[in-house]
Structures are given as structure tokens and as C-alpha cells.
């Protein structure tokens, strides 16, 4: 049984985003009243203006949306999930060869959210291209794993950049503004593909109200792309502008769509016009599937040297390197 005891008061944080997150613990209630829209981005180049309007509307109103017609074949998504399962099935001592550092590598119950101050009930493996030296399984351990994972990461990056180009235009930047800020060819690239394995419910801990698969949080990045697996639910969202309501909306898995949410970097870059959305992964209810849950997340995190500041300069400028450092330090101990 986990012996971690949460502190009685939230720690003070320099970033306002973290102070807000530290107040988001507790169960709250559930509502289906909000719509998480599915937006078809087929024929993106021909329909970019129309798609931009739809994305902007959904993002402003709830901060979450889903996209179909994104161009990543379901077979590629299924293969990525299978690779993640093979990785997490390795013995713990073998995974410990690749410890998490600077948003790359493996961690086990190491993430402690400011909202809950208890460890998320999960493990994860994170891939950030320039930081992977010594963190890849060998060909003997997982044949083809590295090359296939990098190919999938590239597919996610391409979708993310198409979506971000829409937000760039609406904010008055040129269409390639965010693509340059997330350039994968430079050493300061920080975008991350994260494989997640939430543990099957331990019957001895099923009544532990303080434990969450993932506690309430907003993401650190500009935009998150999330792939869920059918039958493995638990994701819930709460618009930041409605945080006082504590009414959470479920986002069940749908095959063929990518669930997307605005992150705090883009909220700052938009001078708060695009709200970053609180979300969490709750433990399954007694009548629900109790087994493991897998998901794949791609975080569009601006390169280290990118300076985050909106057109109206509502927030003081901060480099993406420093911004990410503060956010990771508040979630992980000695991992950045």
C-alpha cells in the first residue's frame, strides 16, 4: 500500500497556473451537459479556414475537442498501443534502466499532482527526441520499437502542427508561427510522446478516495493529442472558466478520433483567449471495467528557446525551457 501522505496545505507556486491547479482536488460531480465536439479535418488544405473557425469556437468554449479525418491510420494507432503494452510488460528492473529525466524515460508512480498531492496510479514512458540517449530498449529487448515509435511521433507532430496553424492565424500570427516554435530538427525540441499505463484496480485500494489514476490538472504544453483505447474510459474534463462548479464531463473513447485540449503554453500565448482545460482520469466505478488502462499522449511543447508571450503581452515573457522546468518540477521530484 502506498504510504505517501499529502501535505495539509498546498505549496506556494511562482506560476499562477500551479496555484489554480493546487485548488482542484476533490471528487466533485459528473455531468453530460457539455458537448465535446468532433471536428472533421479531412481535406485540411482546402478547408483550413472553415476548420479554423470550428476549432476556435470549440477551444474558446470548452478548451477540449476531438478531431476525425486526421490522417493517422487506425492500424498505426493500434500498433502504437501494442508497442506500449509490450514495453510496460517488461520486468520493472529492466524498465528502471531508462529512468525519467528531462521529460524522457520511464517513471513509476512518480507524478504527484498539485491538486491531489498523492502519486498518480500509473507508469509512463516519455519520448523527447533530443534527450533519448541511453533511454531506448535494445533491438533484442523490443525489436523495431525505436524506429516505429519515432515514426508515430512524427505523425502526431504533423497533426499537431496543422491544428496549431489554425490557432496561429486566429491570433494574428503567420500560419507557420507555431511550426517554427516546435521545430524537431533542433536540439531544443521539447515535444513529447508519452505512453501511459494506468494500473488495474487493486481490490485492497478500491475504496481509497485519495488515489487517482491521474489527478486534476491542466497540461503544460500548447496542445495535447490524446489517443484512448475502446472500453478503457475514465477521462473527465472541466473548463477552467467553470472550475468553481466542480462538474466534470466524461470523454469516452471513440475509435478513429484524437481527443485534443489546449495547454497552458497556448493559453499564455493567446493572452487567455484560449482556456486551458482541467481534466483528470478517475478510478473506475464498481460496475465498470477494472483492468489496466492504456493511453497515448503527444504534447506539443514549444522548443526551449521559444519565448512565450501573446500579442497583447498580458504575461511577462518566459522561455519555453524555463516554463516547462517550473511545471515539471512541481509534478516530479528530482526529475528535471
Protein backbone atom coordinates (compact mmCIF):
# COMPACT_ATOMS: atom_id res chain seq x y z
CA UNK A 1 0.00 0.00 0.00
CA UNK A 2 1.32 3.43 -0.82
CA UNK A 3 2.49 5.23 2.29
CA UNK A 4 2.61 8.72 0.75
CA UNK A 5 0.82 11.28 2.93
CA UNK A 6 -0.33 14.53 1.34
CA UNK A 7 0.67 17.78 2.99
CA UNK A 8 -2.12 19.66 4.72
CA UNK A 9 -1.66 22.86 2.72
CA UNK A 10 -0.76 23.48 -0.92
CA UNK A 11 2.77 24.60 -1.65
CA UNK A 12 3.19 28.17 -2.91
CA UNK A 13 3.97 28.40 -6.61
CA UNK A 14 5.53 31.12 -8.72
CA UNK A 15 3.24 30.37 -11.69
CA UNK A 16 -0.42 31.25 -11.32
CA UNK A 17 -1.38 28.11 -13.26
CA UNK A 18 0.04 25.96 -10.46
CA UNK A 19 -1.73 27.84 -7.69
CA UNK A 20 -5.00 27.32 -9.54
CA UNK A 21 -4.29 23.63 -10.04
CA UNK A 22 -3.48 23.14 -6.35
CA UNK A 23 -7.09 24.05 -5.52
CA UNK A 24 -8.65 21.44 -7.84
CA UNK A 25 -8.72 18.34 -5.65
CA UNK A 26 -11.86 16.53 -4.50
CA UNK A 27 -14.48 14.38 -6.19
CA UNK A 28 -16.97 16.96 -7.50
CA UNK A 29 -19.93 15.74 -9.57
CA UNK A 30 -20.43 14.43 -13.10
CA UNK A 31 -22.49 15.98 -15.90
CA UNK A 32 -23.17 15.17 -19.55
CA UNK A 33 -24.47 18.67 -20.25
CA UNK A 34 -21.33 19.81 -22.09
CA UNK A 35 -20.55 18.79 -25.66
CA UNK A 36 -17.01 17.78 -26.56
CA UNK A 37 -17.24 18.37 -30.31
CA UNK A 38 -15.88 16.09 -33.01
CA UNK A 39 -14.41 18.18 -35.85
CA UNK A 40 -13.65 16.62 -39.23
CA UNK A 41 -10.32 17.91 -40.57
CA UNK A 42 -10.40 15.92 -43.83
CA UNK A 43 -9.03 17.88 -46.84
CA UNK A 44 -7.31 20.24 -44.44
CA UNK A 45 -5.51 22.39 -47.01
CA UNK A 46 -8.72 23.12 -48.92
CA UNK A 47 -10.84 23.61 -45.79
CA UNK A 48 -8.36 25.26 -43.42
CA UNK A 49 -10.36 28.47 -42.93
CA UNK A 50 -13.57 26.54 -42.15
CA UNK A 51 -11.72 24.16 -39.84
CA UNK A 52 -10.01 27.06 -38.05
CA UNK A 53 -13.40 28.59 -37.23
CA UNK A 54 -14.68 25.29 -35.81
CA UNK A 55 -11.55 24.65 -33.77
CA UNK A 56 -11.51 28.19 -32.40
CA UNK A 57 -15.15 28.01 -31.34
CA UNK A 58 -14.71 24.67 -29.56
CA UNK A 59 -11.45 25.73 -27.93
CA UNK A 60 -12.80 29.03 -26.63
CA UNK A 61 -15.96 27.47 -25.23
CA UNK A 62 -14.59 24.35 -23.55
CA UNK A 63 -10.87 24.02 -24.32
CA UNK A 64 -11.39 20.41 -25.44
CA UNK A 65 -12.36 18.99 -28.83
CA UNK A 66 -11.89 15.83 -30.87
CA UNK A 67 -10.72 15.52 -34.47
CA UNK A 68 -11.56 12.94 -37.11
CA UNK A 69 -10.13 12.69 -40.62
CA UNK A 70 -6.67 13.40 -39.18
CA UNK A 71 -4.79 11.04 -41.49
CA UNK A 72 -3.27 8.65 -38.93
CA UNK A 73 -4.48 5.16 -39.87
CA UNK A 74 -6.19 3.17 -37.14
CA UNK A 75 -3.72 0.36 -37.82
CA UNK A 76 -0.89 2.73 -36.88
CA UNK A 77 -2.66 3.72 -33.66
CA UNK A 78 -3.33 0.08 -32.78
CA UNK A 79 0.32 -0.78 -33.42
CA UNK A 80 1.42 2.08 -31.15
CA UNK A 81 -0.78 0.73 -28.35
CA UNK A 82 0.65 -2.74 -28.86
CA UNK A 83 4.20 -1.35 -28.57
CA UNK A 84 3.26 0.42 -25.36
CA UNK A 85 1.83 -2.78 -23.89
CA UNK A 86 4.99 -4.69 -24.81
CA UNK A 87 7.13 -2.02 -23.19
CA UNK A 88 5.16 -1.93 -19.94
CA UNK A 89 5.12 -5.75 -19.79
CA UNK A 90 8.91 -5.74 -19.37
CA UNK A 91 10.17 -6.52 -15.86
CA UNK A 92 10.34 -3.49 -13.60
CA UNK A 93 14.09 -3.83 -13.10
CA UNK A 94 14.60 -3.69 -16.86
CA UNK A 95 12.45 -0.57 -17.27
CA UNK A 96 14.43 1.01 -14.43
CA UNK A 97 17.43 1.08 -16.80
CA UNK A 98 15.75 4.04 -18.53
CA UNK A 99 14.82 6.42 -15.67
CA UNK A 100 12.86 9.59 -16.34
CA UNK A 101 15.00 12.72 -16.73
CA UNK A 102 14.13 15.96 -18.52
CA UNK A 103 10.83 14.60 -19.84
CA UNK A 104 12.33 11.43 -21.27
CA UNK A 105 12.38 7.87 -19.99
CA UNK A 106 10.33 5.70 -17.63
CA UNK A 107 8.67 6.56 -14.34
CA UNK A 108 6.51 4.58 -11.92
CA UNK A 109 4.09 6.42 -9.60
CA UNK A 110 6.46 9.39 -9.69
CA UNK A 111 3.98 12.07 -10.72
CA UNK A 112 2.37 13.89 -7.81
CA UNK A 113 -0.16 16.48 -8.92
CA UNK A 114 -0.52 19.78 -7.05
CA UNK A 115 -4.29 19.06 -6.96
CA UNK A 116 -4.06 15.75 -5.08
CA UNK A 117 -0.55 15.59 -3.59
CA UNK A 118 -0.71 11.80 -3.96
CA UNK A 119 1.02 9.75 -6.69
CA UNK A 120 -0.92 9.06 -9.87
CA UNK A 121 -1.66 5.34 -10.10
CA UNK A 122 0.27 4.80 -13.30
CA UNK A 123 3.59 4.39 -15.03
CA UNK A 124 4.71 6.13 -18.19
CA UNK A 125 7.44 6.17 -20.80
CA UNK A 126 8.24 9.50 -22.43
CA UNK A 127 9.99 10.13 -25.73
CA UNK A 128 11.53 13.56 -26.39
CA UNK A 129 13.73 13.17 -29.47
CA UNK A 130 16.94 15.07 -28.49
CA UNK A 131 17.01 13.61 -24.96
CA UNK A 132 16.81 9.88 -25.63
CA UNK A 133 20.48 8.86 -25.39
CA UNK A 134 20.62 5.65 -23.35
CA UNK A 135 16.83 5.53 -22.88
CA UNK A 136 15.78 3.24 -25.73
CA UNK A 137 15.17 -0.52 -25.30
CA UNK A 138 17.62 -2.54 -27.37
CA UNK A 139 16.63 -4.43 -30.52
CA UNK A 140 16.96 -7.66 -28.53
CA UNK A 141 14.54 -6.39 -25.89
CA UNK A 142 11.93 -4.82 -28.19
CA UNK A 143 12.67 -5.33 -31.90
CA UNK A 144 11.72 -2.33 -34.05
CA UNK A 145 10.48 -0.34 -31.07
CA UNK A 146 12.64 2.76 -31.53
CA UNK A 147 12.07 3.32 -35.24
CA UNK A 148 8.33 2.62 -35.12
CA UNK A 149 7.87 4.88 -32.09
CA UNK A 150 9.70 7.75 -33.77
CA UNK A 151 7.62 7.30 -36.93
CA UNK A 152 4.40 7.51 -34.89
CA UNK A 153 5.75 10.54 -33.01
CA UNK A 154 6.30 12.26 -36.35
CA UNK A 155 2.73 11.52 -37.43
CA UNK A 156 1.45 13.10 -34.23
CA UNK A 157 3.67 16.16 -34.72
CA UNK A 158 2.30 16.69 -38.22
CA UNK A 159 -1.32 16.63 -36.99
CA UNK A 160 -0.45 18.92 -34.09
CA UNK A 161 1.18 21.47 -36.38
CA UNK A 162 -1.84 21.53 -38.70
CA UNK A 163 -4.11 22.26 -35.76
CA UNK A 164 -1.78 24.87 -34.29
CA UNK A 165 -1.59 26.66 -37.66
CA UNK A 166 -5.31 27.36 -37.30
CA UNK A 167 -4.82 28.94 -33.89
CA UNK A 168 -1.82 30.92 -35.16
CA UNK A 169 -3.93 32.60 -37.82
CA UNK A 170 -6.74 33.41 -35.41
CA UNK A 171 -4.24 35.03 -33.02
CA UNK A 172 -2.71 37.19 -35.74
CA UNK A 173 0.48 35.18 -36.20
CA UNK A 174 1.55 33.75 -39.54
CA UNK A 175 0.43 30.19 -40.27
CA UNK A 176 3.88 28.67 -39.61
CA UNK A 177 4.48 30.51 -36.33
CA UNK A 178 3.92 27.50 -34.08
CA UNK A 179 5.58 25.10 -36.52
CA UNK A 180 8.80 27.11 -36.17
CA UNK A 181 8.36 27.14 -32.40
CA UNK A 182 8.13 23.31 -32.39
CA UNK A 183 10.92 22.58 -34.89
CA UNK A 184 12.02 18.93 -34.37
CA UNK A 185 15.33 19.41 -36.17
CA UNK A 186 16.98 21.48 -33.41
CA UNK A 187 18.49 20.40 -30.06
CA UNK A 188 15.95 22.49 -28.12
CA UNK A 189 12.96 20.44 -29.34
CA UNK A 190 10.73 19.61 -26.36
CA UNK A 191 7.57 18.00 -27.78
CA UNK A 192 6.97 14.65 -26.13
CA UNK A 193 5.20 11.40 -26.94
CA UNK A 194 4.05 9.76 -23.73
CA UNK A 195 2.91 6.16 -23.35
CA UNK A 196 0.72 5.70 -20.27
CA UNK A 197 -0.27 2.60 -18.32
CA UNK A 198 -2.81 3.10 -15.56
CA UNK A 199 -2.83 0.12 -13.24
CA UNK A 200 -5.67 -2.35 -12.82
CA UNK A 201 -7.63 -1.62 -9.67
CA UNK A 202 -6.13 -3.26 -6.61
CA UNK A 203 -9.10 -4.60 -4.59
CA UNK A 204 -7.30 -3.61 -1.40
CA UNK A 205 -7.19 0.04 -2.54
CA UNK A 206 -10.52 0.38 -4.36
CA UNK A 207 -12.04 2.49 -1.58
CA UNK A 208 -9.06 4.85 -1.29
CA UNK A 209 -10.70 8.16 -2.14
CA UNK A 210 -7.36 9.97 -2.21
CA UNK A 211 -5.97 7.89 -5.07
CA UNK A 212 -6.46 8.86 -8.70
CA UNK A 213 -5.25 7.35 -11.94
CA UNK A 214 -4.42 10.96 -12.83
CA UNK A 215 -5.33 13.85 -10.55
CA UNK A 216 -6.97 17.03 -11.84
CA UNK A 217 -4.57 19.15 -13.87
CA UNK A 218 -4.05 21.34 -16.89
CA UNK A 219 -1.35 20.39 -19.38
CA UNK A 220 1.96 22.26 -19.60
CA UNK A 221 2.07 22.45 -23.39
CA UNK A 222 0.46 24.30 -26.30
CA UNK A 223 -1.75 21.45 -27.50
CA UNK A 224 -2.24 17.82 -26.43
CA UNK A 225 -3.27 14.99 -28.75
CA UNK A 226 -4.65 12.01 -26.86
CA UNK A 227 -5.42 8.52 -28.15
CA UNK A 228 -7.75 6.43 -25.98
CA UNK A 229 -8.49 2.73 -26.23
CA UNK A 230 -12.04 1.40 -26.58
CA UNK A 231 -13.53 0.17 -23.32
CA UNK A 232 -10.93 1.94 -21.18
CA UNK A 233 -12.64 5.13 -20.04
CA UNK A 234 -12.23 7.43 -17.07
CA UNK A 235 -11.17 10.71 -18.71
CA UNK A 236 -13.17 13.69 -17.43
CA UNK A 237 -12.93 17.38 -18.32
CA UNK A 238 -13.85 20.64 -16.61
CA UNK A 239 -13.46 24.00 -18.38
CA UNK A 240 -11.15 26.27 -16.43
CA UNK A 241 -13.69 29.08 -16.56
CA UNK A 242 -16.14 26.76 -14.78
CA UNK A 243 -13.72 25.39 -12.18
CA UNK A 244 -15.90 26.63 -9.31
CA UNK A 245 -18.71 24.30 -10.42
CA UNK A 246 -16.64 21.11 -9.90
CA UNK A 247 -18.88 19.45 -12.55
CA UNK A 248 -16.85 17.01 -14.61
CA UNK A 249 -17.82 15.76 -18.08
CA UNK A 250 -16.75 12.26 -19.23
CA UNK A 251 -14.95 11.89 -22.57
CA UNK A 252 -15.43 8.23 -23.55
CA UNK A 253 -13.02 6.63 -26.04
CA UNK A 254 -14.07 6.76 -29.69
CA UNK A 255 -12.11 4.81 -32.27
CA UNK A 256 -10.72 6.95 -35.07
CA UNK A 257 -10.71 10.30 -33.28
CA UNK A 258 -7.99 12.16 -31.44
CA UNK A 259 -9.03 13.98 -28.28
CA UNK A 260 -7.31 17.37 -28.08
CA UNK A 261 -7.00 20.03 -25.43
CA UNK A 262 -5.45 23.46 -25.13
CA UNK A 263 -2.46 23.60 -22.78
CA UNK A 264 -1.13 26.38 -20.58
CA UNK A 265 1.58 27.49 -23.02
CA UNK A 266 -1.06 28.34 -25.62
CA UNK A 267 -3.27 29.99 -23.00
CA UNK A 268 -0.38 32.36 -22.25
CA UNK A 269 0.44 32.83 -25.94
CA UNK A 270 -3.21 33.75 -26.56
CA UNK A 271 -3.41 36.22 -23.67
CA UNK A 272 -6.04 33.92 -22.07
CA UNK A 273 -8.32 33.88 -25.12
CA UNK A 274 -7.85 30.09 -25.37
CA UNK A 275 -8.50 28.50 -21.97
CA UNK A 276 -6.53 25.52 -20.77
CA UNK A 277 -8.95 22.86 -19.59
CA UNK A 278 -8.79 20.92 -16.34
CA UNK A 279 -9.00 17.17 -16.80
CA UNK A 280 -8.36 14.02 -14.81
CA UNK A 281 -8.61 10.24 -15.04
CA UNK A 282 -10.78 8.85 -12.28
CA UNK A 283 -10.68 5.32 -10.95
CA UNK A 284 -13.34 3.02 -12.44
CA UNK A 285 -16.63 2.63 -10.60
CA UNK A 286 -17.54 -0.81 -9.19
CA UNK A 287 -19.69 -1.72 -12.22
CA UNK A 288 -17.02 -0.62 -14.75
CA UNK A 289 -14.01 -2.37 -16.28
CA UNK A 290 -11.41 -2.77 -13.53
CA UNK A 291 -8.43 -3.76 -15.66
CA UNK A 292 -5.48 -1.69 -16.86
CA UNK A 293 -5.97 1.45 -18.94
CA UNK A 294 -3.58 2.50 -21.70
CA UNK A 295 -3.42 5.82 -23.49
CA UNK A 296 -1.01 7.66 -25.78
CA UNK A 297 -0.47 11.40 -25.48
CA UNK A 298 1.52 13.74 -27.70
CA UNK A 299 2.38 17.07 -26.11
CA UNK A 300 3.17 19.95 -28.49
CA UNK A 301 5.67 21.71 -26.21
CA UNK A 302 7.49 24.67 -27.72
CA UNK A 303 11.25 24.47 -28.19
CA UNK A 304 13.47 25.60 -25.33
CA UNK A 305 14.47 28.88 -26.92
CA UNK A 306 10.91 29.91 -27.88
CA UNK A 307 9.70 32.97 -25.96
CA UNK A 308 6.09 32.68 -24.81
CA UNK A 309 4.24 35.98 -24.91
CA UNK A 310 0.95 36.90 -26.51
CA UNK A 311 0.23 39.77 -28.92
CA UNK A 312 -1.12 41.89 -26.04
CA UNK A 313 1.74 40.98 -23.65
CA UNK A 314 -0.67 40.11 -20.84
CA UNK A 315 2.02 37.93 -19.24
CA UNK A 316 5.75 38.72 -18.95
CA UNK A 317 7.87 36.84 -21.49
CA UNK A 318 9.21 33.45 -20.44
CA UNK A 319 11.20 30.91 -22.43
CA UNK A 320 9.56 27.56 -23.03
CA UNK A 321 12.58 25.93 -21.35
CA UNK A 322 12.01 27.82 -18.10
CA UNK A 323 8.24 27.43 -18.26
CA UNK A 324 8.47 23.66 -18.69
CA UNK A 325 11.13 23.39 -15.99
CA UNK A 326 8.85 25.01 -13.41
CA UNK A 327 5.86 22.88 -14.41
CA UNK A 328 7.78 19.59 -14.34
CA UNK A 329 9.44 20.47 -11.02
CA UNK A 330 6.00 20.94 -9.46
CA UNK A 331 4.90 17.46 -10.62
CA UNK A 332 8.02 15.33 -10.30
CA UNK A 333 10.76 15.21 -7.68
CA UNK A 334 14.36 15.41 -8.94
CA UNK A 335 13.36 14.54 -12.50
CA UNK A 336 14.28 17.65 -14.47
